[in-house]
Protein backbone atom coordinates (compact mmCIF):
# COMPACT_ATOMS: atom_id res chain seq x y z
CA UNK A 1 78.91 -13.02 -38.08
CA UNK A 2 75.94 -12.77 -40.55
CA UNK A 3 72.17 -14.39 -39.59
CA UNK A 4 68.93 -13.83 -41.50
CA UNK A 5 66.82 -13.04 -39.01
CA UNK A 6 62.99 -13.21 -37.69
CA UNK A 7 62.21 -10.22 -35.89
CA UNK A 8 58.20 -10.31 -36.44
CA UNK A 9 55.85 -13.21 -36.94
CA UNK A 10 55.10 -13.87 -40.02
CA UNK A 11 56.29 -16.03 -42.99
CA UNK A 12 59.96 -15.91 -45.05
CA UNK A 13 59.27 -12.88 -46.49
CA UNK A 14 60.18 -11.50 -42.74
CA UNK A 15 63.35 -12.81 -42.59
CA UNK A 16 66.35 -9.85 -42.10
CA UNK A 17 69.82 -10.14 -42.89
CA UNK A 18 71.83 -8.73 -40.41
CA UNK A 19 75.22 -8.50 -39.14
CA UNK A 20 75.59 -9.46 -35.70
CA UNK A 21 79.11 -9.68 -33.40
CA UNK A 22 80.21 -13.29 -33.30
CA UNK A 23 79.16 -15.67 -30.96
CA UNK A 24 81.54 -17.44 -28.02
CA UNK A 25 80.84 -20.75 -27.04
CA UNK A 26 80.18 -21.25 -23.02
CA UNK A 27 81.33 -23.97 -20.91
CA UNK A 28 80.31 -27.84 -22.63
CA UNK A 29 80.12 -25.78 -25.75
CA UNK A 30 81.48 -24.99 -29.25
CA UNK A 31 81.43 -22.54 -31.94
CA UNK A 32 80.90 -23.39 -35.44
CA UNK A 33 80.99 -21.85 -39.04
CA UNK A 34 78.50 -22.87 -40.49
CA UNK A 35 78.59 -24.30 -43.93
CA UNK A 36 75.44 -25.80 -44.74
CA UNK A 37 71.52 -25.60 -43.37
CA UNK A 38 69.06 -28.37 -44.26
CA UNK A 39 65.28 -27.06 -44.21
CA UNK A 40 62.54 -28.55 -43.08
CA UNK A 41 58.86 -28.42 -42.05
CA UNK A 42 59.77 -27.11 -38.81
CA UNK A 43 61.52 -23.77 -40.24
CA UNK A 44 57.97 -22.89 -42.09
CA UNK A 45 56.18 -23.04 -38.68
CA UNK A 46 58.45 -21.53 -36.37
CA UNK A 47 58.90 -18.03 -37.80
CA UNK A 48 54.60 -18.19 -37.86
CA UNK A 49 54.69 -18.92 -33.95
CA UNK A 50 53.01 -22.52 -34.98
CA UNK A 51 55.44 -24.43 -33.66
CA UNK A 52 55.84 -26.29 -30.49
CA UNK A 53 58.79 -24.32 -29.37
CA UNK A 54 58.43 -20.28 -29.57
CA UNK A 55 62.12 -18.67 -29.24
CA UNK A 56 62.47 -15.26 -28.09
CA UNK A 57 62.91 -13.05 -31.36
CA UNK A 58 65.24 -12.10 -32.71
CA UNK A 59 66.16 -15.47 -33.98
CA UNK A 60 67.51 -17.47 -37.17
CA UNK A 61 65.24 -20.55 -38.18
CA UNK A 62 67.43 -23.35 -39.39
CA UNK A 63 67.37 -26.54 -37.22
CA UNK A 64 69.82 -28.68 -39.07
CA UNK A 65 73.59 -27.96 -40.10
CA UNK A 66 77.13 -29.00 -40.95
CA UNK A 67 80.03 -26.89 -40.47
CA UNK A 68 83.86 -26.64 -39.03
CA UNK A 69 84.07 -26.14 -35.03
CA UNK A 70 86.12 -22.62 -34.66
CA UNK A 71 86.30 -22.76 -30.88
CA UNK A 72 86.10 -25.29 -27.76
CA UNK A 73 84.56 -23.72 -24.31
CA UNK A 74 85.45 -24.97 -21.17
CA UNK A 75 85.33 -28.58 -20.57
CA UNK A 76 84.79 -29.91 -23.96
CA UNK A 77 87.42 -32.44 -24.53
CA UNK A 78 85.58 -34.80 -27.55
CA UNK A 79 85.76 -31.91 -29.85
CA UNK A 80 88.97 -30.36 -31.71
CA UNK A 81 89.02 -27.20 -33.89
CA UNK A 82 89.09 -28.07 -37.11
CA UNK A 83 86.79 -31.21 -36.98
CA UNK A 84 84.10 -31.51 -39.43
CA UNK A 85 80.68 -31.68 -37.75
CA UNK A 86 77.17 -32.22 -38.18
CA UNK A 87 73.85 -31.88 -35.91
CA UNK A 88 70.45 -30.99 -35.05
CA UNK A 89 70.19 -27.64 -33.14
CA UNK A 90 66.51 -26.75 -32.79
CA UNK A 91 66.83 -23.16 -34.77
CA UNK A 92 69.54 -20.93 -35.54
CA UNK A 93 71.07 -22.38 -38.50
CA UNK A 94 70.92 -20.26 -41.07
CA UNK A 95 73.71 -17.98 -39.82
CA UNK A 96 77.35 -17.85 -40.23
CA UNK A 97 78.57 -18.92 -36.62
CA UNK A 98 76.87 -20.65 -34.05
CA UNK A 99 77.30 -21.97 -30.54
CA UNK A 100 76.02 -24.62 -29.34
CA UNK A 101 75.87 -27.54 -27.17
CA UNK A 102 79.36 -30.32 -28.06
CA UNK A 103 76.65 -33.57 -27.54
CA UNK A 104 74.67 -32.40 -30.22
CA UNK A 105 77.17 -32.91 -33.10
CA UNK A 106 77.87 -36.02 -34.98
CA UNK A 107 81.68 -36.35 -37.04
CA UNK A 108 80.41 -35.68 -40.48
CA UNK A 109 82.45 -38.34 -42.54
CA UNK A 110 85.16 -37.04 -44.66
CA UNK A 111 83.71 -38.42 -47.93
CA UNK A 112 80.61 -36.26 -47.30
CA UNK A 113 79.82 -33.23 -48.45
CA UNK A 114 78.19 -30.80 -46.15
CA UNK A 115 75.32 -30.45 -47.72
CA UNK A 116 74.29 -34.51 -47.14
CA UNK A 117 75.98 -33.94 -43.78
CA UNK A 118 73.28 -30.98 -42.59
CA UNK A 119 70.44 -33.21 -44.25
CA UNK A 120 70.44 -36.79 -42.63
CA UNK A 121 69.52 -36.72 -38.69
CA UNK A 122 66.37 -34.75 -38.62
CA UNK A 123 64.37 -36.25 -41.26
CA UNK A 124 66.05 -39.85 -41.03
CA UNK A 125 66.11 -40.10 -36.84
CA UNK A 126 62.96 -39.06 -36.85
CA UNK A 127 61.78 -41.87 -39.67
CA UNK A 128 63.82 -44.99 -37.94
CA UNK A 129 62.27 -44.07 -34.42
CA UNK A 130 58.93 -43.62 -36.03
CA UNK A 131 59.07 -47.33 -37.83
CA UNK A 132 61.12 -49.31 -35.58
CA UNK A 133 59.93 -47.81 -32.05
CA UNK A 134 56.17 -46.59 -32.43
CA UNK A 135 55.46 -48.51 -35.80
CA UNK A 136 57.08 -51.81 -34.79
CA UNK A 137 57.87 -52.39 -38.76
CA UNK A 138 58.93 -55.89 -39.36
CA UNK A 139 60.53 -57.70 -42.21
CA UNK A 140 57.39 -59.02 -44.73
CA UNK A 141 54.74 -56.14 -43.41
CA UNK A 142 53.73 -53.58 -45.66
CA UNK A 143 53.97 -50.06 -45.48
CA UNK A 144 52.20 -47.12 -46.75
CA UNK A 145 54.25 -43.56 -47.12
CA UNK A 146 52.24 -40.69 -47.59
CA UNK A 147 54.18 -37.45 -48.96
CA UNK A 148 56.77 -39.65 -50.00
CA UNK A 149 59.08 -37.46 -52.28
CA UNK A 150 59.76 -34.77 -49.19
CA UNK A 151 62.19 -35.59 -47.09
CA UNK A 152 60.92 -37.57 -44.10
CA UNK A 153 59.12 -39.19 -47.35
CA UNK A 154 61.91 -40.52 -49.22
CA UNK A 155 63.67 -41.54 -46.03
CA UNK A 156 60.80 -43.66 -45.13
CA UNK A 157 60.68 -45.66 -48.28
CA UNK A 158 64.71 -46.42 -48.00
CA UNK A 159 64.26 -47.11 -44.29
CA UNK A 160 61.02 -49.26 -45.06
CA UNK A 161 63.00 -51.49 -47.70
CA UNK A 162 66.26 -51.85 -45.67
CA UNK A 163 64.23 -53.31 -42.81
CA UNK A 164 62.39 -55.75 -45.06
CA UNK A 165 58.93 -53.88 -45.83
CA UNK A 166 57.04 -54.12 -48.96
CA UNK A 167 56.75 -50.08 -49.41
CA UNK A 168 53.48 -48.11 -51.25
CA UNK A 169 54.67 -44.74 -51.57
CA UNK A 170 51.67 -42.20 -52.14
CA UNK A 171 52.33 -38.66 -53.83
CA UNK A 172 50.75 -35.80 -55.81
CA UNK A 173 52.67 -35.44 -59.22
CA UNK A 174 54.03 -38.08 -61.78
CA UNK A 175 57.46 -36.06 -60.87
CA UNK A 176 57.49 -36.71 -57.24
CA UNK A 177 56.34 -40.69 -58.13
CA UNK A 178 59.73 -40.98 -60.30
CA UNK A 179 61.24 -39.45 -56.95
CA UNK A 180 59.47 -42.51 -54.65
CA UNK A 181 60.61 -45.32 -57.28
CA UNK A 182 63.94 -44.39 -57.59
CA UNK A 183 64.40 -44.45 -53.84
CA UNK A 184 63.17 -47.65 -53.80
CA UNK A 185 59.38 -48.22 -53.27
CA UNK A 186 57.80 -51.10 -54.51
CA UNK A 187 54.73 -49.31 -56.21
CA UNK A 188 53.34 -45.50 -56.21
CA UNK A 189 49.81 -43.99 -56.52
CA UNK A 190 49.30 -40.43 -57.09
CA UNK A 191 46.39 -38.62 -55.36
CA UNK A 192 44.42 -35.40 -56.12
CA UNK A 193 45.40 -32.03 -54.31
CA UNK A 194 43.06 -31.93 -51.09
CA UNK A 195 40.56 -30.53 -49.54
CA UNK A 196 37.92 -33.28 -50.83
CA UNK A 197 34.64 -33.31 -50.42
CA UNK A 198 33.17 -36.46 -49.35
CA UNK A 199 32.93 -38.27 -52.59
CA UNK A 200 36.68 -37.33 -53.22
CA UNK A 201 37.36 -38.72 -50.04
CA UNK A 202 35.46 -42.47 -50.57
CA UNK A 203 37.68 -42.47 -53.52
CA UNK A 204 41.04 -41.84 -51.92
CA UNK A 205 40.11 -44.38 -49.11
CA UNK A 206 39.10 -46.79 -52.25
CA UNK A 207 42.59 -46.29 -53.75
CA UNK A 208 44.76 -46.86 -50.43
CA UNK A 209 42.69 -49.94 -49.79
CA UNK A 210 43.70 -51.19 -53.57
CA UNK A 211 47.15 -50.39 -52.98
CA UNK A 212 46.98 -52.41 -49.49
CA UNK A 213 45.78 -54.84 -51.07
CA UNK A 214 43.10 -57.93 -48.85
CA UNK A 215 45.16 -57.18 -45.61
CA UNK A 216 45.61 -54.12 -46.10
CA UNK A 217 48.94 -52.00 -44.30
CA UNK A 218 50.44 -52.65 -41.43
CA UNK A 219 52.16 -49.59 -40.99
CA UNK A 220 50.91 -46.02 -42.30
CA UNK A 221 53.63 -43.15 -42.26
CA UNK A 222 51.62 -40.06 -42.53
CA UNK A 223 54.03 -36.59 -42.44
CA UNK A 224 51.09 -34.89 -44.53
CA UNK A 225 47.80 -34.85 -41.97
CA UNK A 226 44.61 -33.18 -43.11
CA UNK A 227 42.48 -34.81 -45.76
CA UNK A 228 44.41 -37.46 -46.46
CA UNK A 229 44.54 -38.66 -43.14
CA UNK A 230 41.06 -40.77 -42.85
CA UNK A 231 41.44 -42.09 -45.98
CA UNK A 232 44.87 -43.47 -45.40
CA UNK A 233 43.72 -45.17 -41.75
CA UNK A 234 40.34 -46.74 -44.15
CA UNK A 235 43.50 -49.15 -45.93
CA UNK A 236 44.61 -49.87 -42.49
CA UNK A 237 46.05 -53.91 -41.77
CA UNK A 238 43.53 -55.59 -38.43
CA UNK A 239 46.00 -54.28 -35.71
CA UNK A 240 47.82 -51.89 -37.41
CA UNK A 241 50.18 -49.04 -36.80
CA UNK A 242 49.19 -45.18 -37.90
CA UNK A 243 52.29 -42.86 -37.44
CA UNK A 244 51.55 -39.22 -37.05
CA UNK A 245 54.22 -37.50 -38.01
CA UNK A 246 53.18 -33.98 -39.04
CA UNK A 247 50.29 -31.91 -40.56
CA UNK A 248 51.65 -29.46 -43.34
CA UNK A 249 48.09 -30.39 -44.93
CA UNK A 250 46.27 -29.53 -41.74
CA UNK A 251 45.46 -31.43 -38.65
CA UNK A 252 42.70 -34.04 -39.31
CA UNK A 253 40.11 -35.53 -37.21
CA UNK A 254 39.98 -39.05 -37.23
CA UNK A 255 36.56 -40.89 -36.84
CA UNK A 256 37.88 -43.02 -33.71
CA UNK A 257 35.26 -45.90 -34.66
CA UNK A 258 37.78 -47.01 -36.95
CA UNK A 259 40.25 -47.75 -34.49
CA UNK A 260 37.88 -50.05 -33.12
CA UNK A 261 37.01 -51.84 -36.07
CA UNK A 262 40.76 -52.48 -37.05
CA UNK A 263 42.02 -52.82 -33.57
CA UNK A 264 45.04 -50.38 -34.63
CA UNK A 265 47.62 -47.72 -32.88
CA UNK A 266 47.29 -44.36 -33.55
CA UNK A 267 51.24 -42.93 -32.15
CA UNK A 268 52.09 -39.68 -32.15
CA UNK A 269 55.80 -39.57 -33.14
CA UNK A 270 57.72 -36.75 -31.84
CA UNK A 271 61.19 -37.22 -32.25
CA UNK A 272 63.07 -34.31 -30.51
CA UNK A 273 61.22 -35.21 -27.40
CA UNK A 274 62.16 -39.03 -27.63
CA UNK A 275 65.93 -37.98 -28.37
CA UNK A 276 65.52 -35.90 -24.96
CA UNK A 277 64.12 -38.41 -23.06
CA UNK A 278 66.02 -41.31 -23.63
CA UNK A 279 69.49 -40.32 -25.54
CA UNK A 280 71.19 -43.56 -25.24
CA UNK A 281 68.56 -45.03 -27.58
CA UNK A 282 68.35 -42.46 -29.61
CA UNK A 283 72.45 -42.88 -29.86
CA UNK A 284 71.65 -46.50 -30.59
CA UNK A 285 69.46 -45.10 -33.61
CA UNK A 286 72.33 -42.65 -34.97
CA UNK A 287 74.65 -45.18 -35.18
CA UNK A 288 72.47 -47.74 -37.21
CA UNK A 289 71.51 -44.54 -39.69
CA UNK A 290 75.79 -44.03 -40.14
CA UNK A 291 75.71 -47.49 -40.96
CA UNK A 292 73.47 -47.62 -42.93
CA UNK A 293 74.63 -44.07 -44.74
CA UNK A 294 78.23 -46.01 -44.79
CA UNK A 295 76.11 -49.32 -46.77
CA UNK A 296 75.10 -47.34 -49.34
CA UNK A 297 71.44 -48.62 -47.71
CA UNK A 298 70.16 -44.65 -47.35
CA UNK A 299 71.50 -41.26 -48.51
CA UNK A 300 69.93 -37.74 -48.26
CA UNK A 301 68.68 -36.87 -51.74
CA UNK A 302 69.42 -32.81 -51.77
CA UNK A 303 67.67 -31.78 -54.77
CA UNK A 304 68.04 -28.19 -54.49
CA UNK A 305 70.59 -25.57 -53.00
CA UNK A 306 70.37 -22.15 -52.02
CA UNK A 307 72.90 -19.30 -51.45
CA UNK A 308 72.60 -18.33 -48.13
CA UNK A 309 70.71 -14.76 -48.63
CA UNK A 310 68.09 -17.20 -50.42
CA UNK A 311 67.36 -18.51 -47.47
CA UNK A 312 63.88 -17.40 -47.49
CA UNK A 313 63.25 -18.83 -50.83
CA UNK A 314 64.23 -22.40 -49.04
CA UNK A 315 61.91 -22.14 -46.37
CA UNK A 316 58.97 -20.43 -49.07
CA UNK A 317 59.49 -23.81 -51.52
CA UNK A 318 59.14 -26.06 -47.94
CA UNK A 319 55.80 -24.00 -46.99
CA UNK A 320 54.85 -24.09 -50.71
CA UNK A 321 54.93 -27.93 -49.90
CA UNK A 322 56.88 -28.26 -54.04
CA UNK A 323 59.84 -29.32 -52.37
CA UNK A 324 61.21 -33.08 -53.69
CA UNK A 325 64.05 -34.47 -51.20
CA UNK A 326 66.04 -32.10 -48.90
CA UNK A 327 66.34 -27.81 -49.71
CA UNK A 328 69.54 -27.07 -48.65
CA UNK A 329 70.85 -23.80 -47.92
CA UNK A 330 74.98 -23.03 -48.65
CA UNK A 331 75.62 -21.07 -45.75
CA UNK A 332 79.44 -20.78 -45.67
C-alpha cells in the first residue's frame, strides 16, 4: 500500500509518499481500500501537532474517507467484502488501505459517488449537533453563519434552512457569497480580512447588527474565530446561543460582559467527543442526515478534487482558507 505520511511536525510540504506493508484487520475491524479522502481543517492542525489528538508518528492525515471493504476481521458480522462504505476515522485516510473499527462506518448509497461519501459525515455531523443540541435552533429563528462558504459553513446554511431558520451567511469574497446563496442563504454579507483595529472591529459589529435586525441573531455559528468573534457576538439576540466550532483565524478572547448584557450562552461544539460519549444520539443524527440527503435537502459540495500524490496541496489550500465547499483527494 501507499501512504502520505507525516514524519515530522510541519506543513503539508513535510508529507512523504511511502510504500508500506498492507495492514491486516484485527478483531472487530475491517480492511478498506480507500477510494476518496476529504480534507478538513483538523488535517492542517494534526500534522503541525496543534490538534487535540497527537498520533504517534509516522501517521497519515485524513480523517474522513469512503471506499470498499477488502477483508473483515474476527467477530465482524455486519459488513461483507465488497461493501461500499464511508466514515470518520480520525486520521490515516491518506493511504490506499486502512484497517479500522467496523462501527465507525456507514453504508454508502449506490447512487452516491465515493467523493460525495467522503465529504458528508464530519461537516454535517458537526453541524447538526451544533445547531440542534447546542444551539437549540427552532423554525422562525435567525442564524448567522461565519465562514459560510467552507464545508461546515455550507452545511450550516443547508441545515439551517432545512429546520426553518432565516440564514445570513458571512463570507470574505463575492465568489464565496455566490456559493452561500446557491446553498440557500437568505442573505449574505462580505467582511474584510482580519486582523482588525478597533474601528474596523466596530464597523464589522455594526454590519452584523444591521443584518441581524432589531432582535439580533438567535444562533451564531462560528467556525472561524479570531477577530471575527467579538463583532459577531455583539449582534446576538437576548438569550441567543453562540456556537464555538473552530479557530482558523485564531483563538479569540471574548469580553464576558457581553454575555451578561444579552443573557446569552457561549457553547462549545466538540462533535467527536459527543459522538464517543453518546453514540446513540449521534447515530440518530446521522440517520437524519441520510434522510435529508436522500430528499435532496442537503448535499456535500465537492468543489475540487486532487490526485493522491497531491494530497499535500489539498491540505495547503485548506490552510490558506481558500477552499469553497469540500476538497477531496482521490486515493484509489
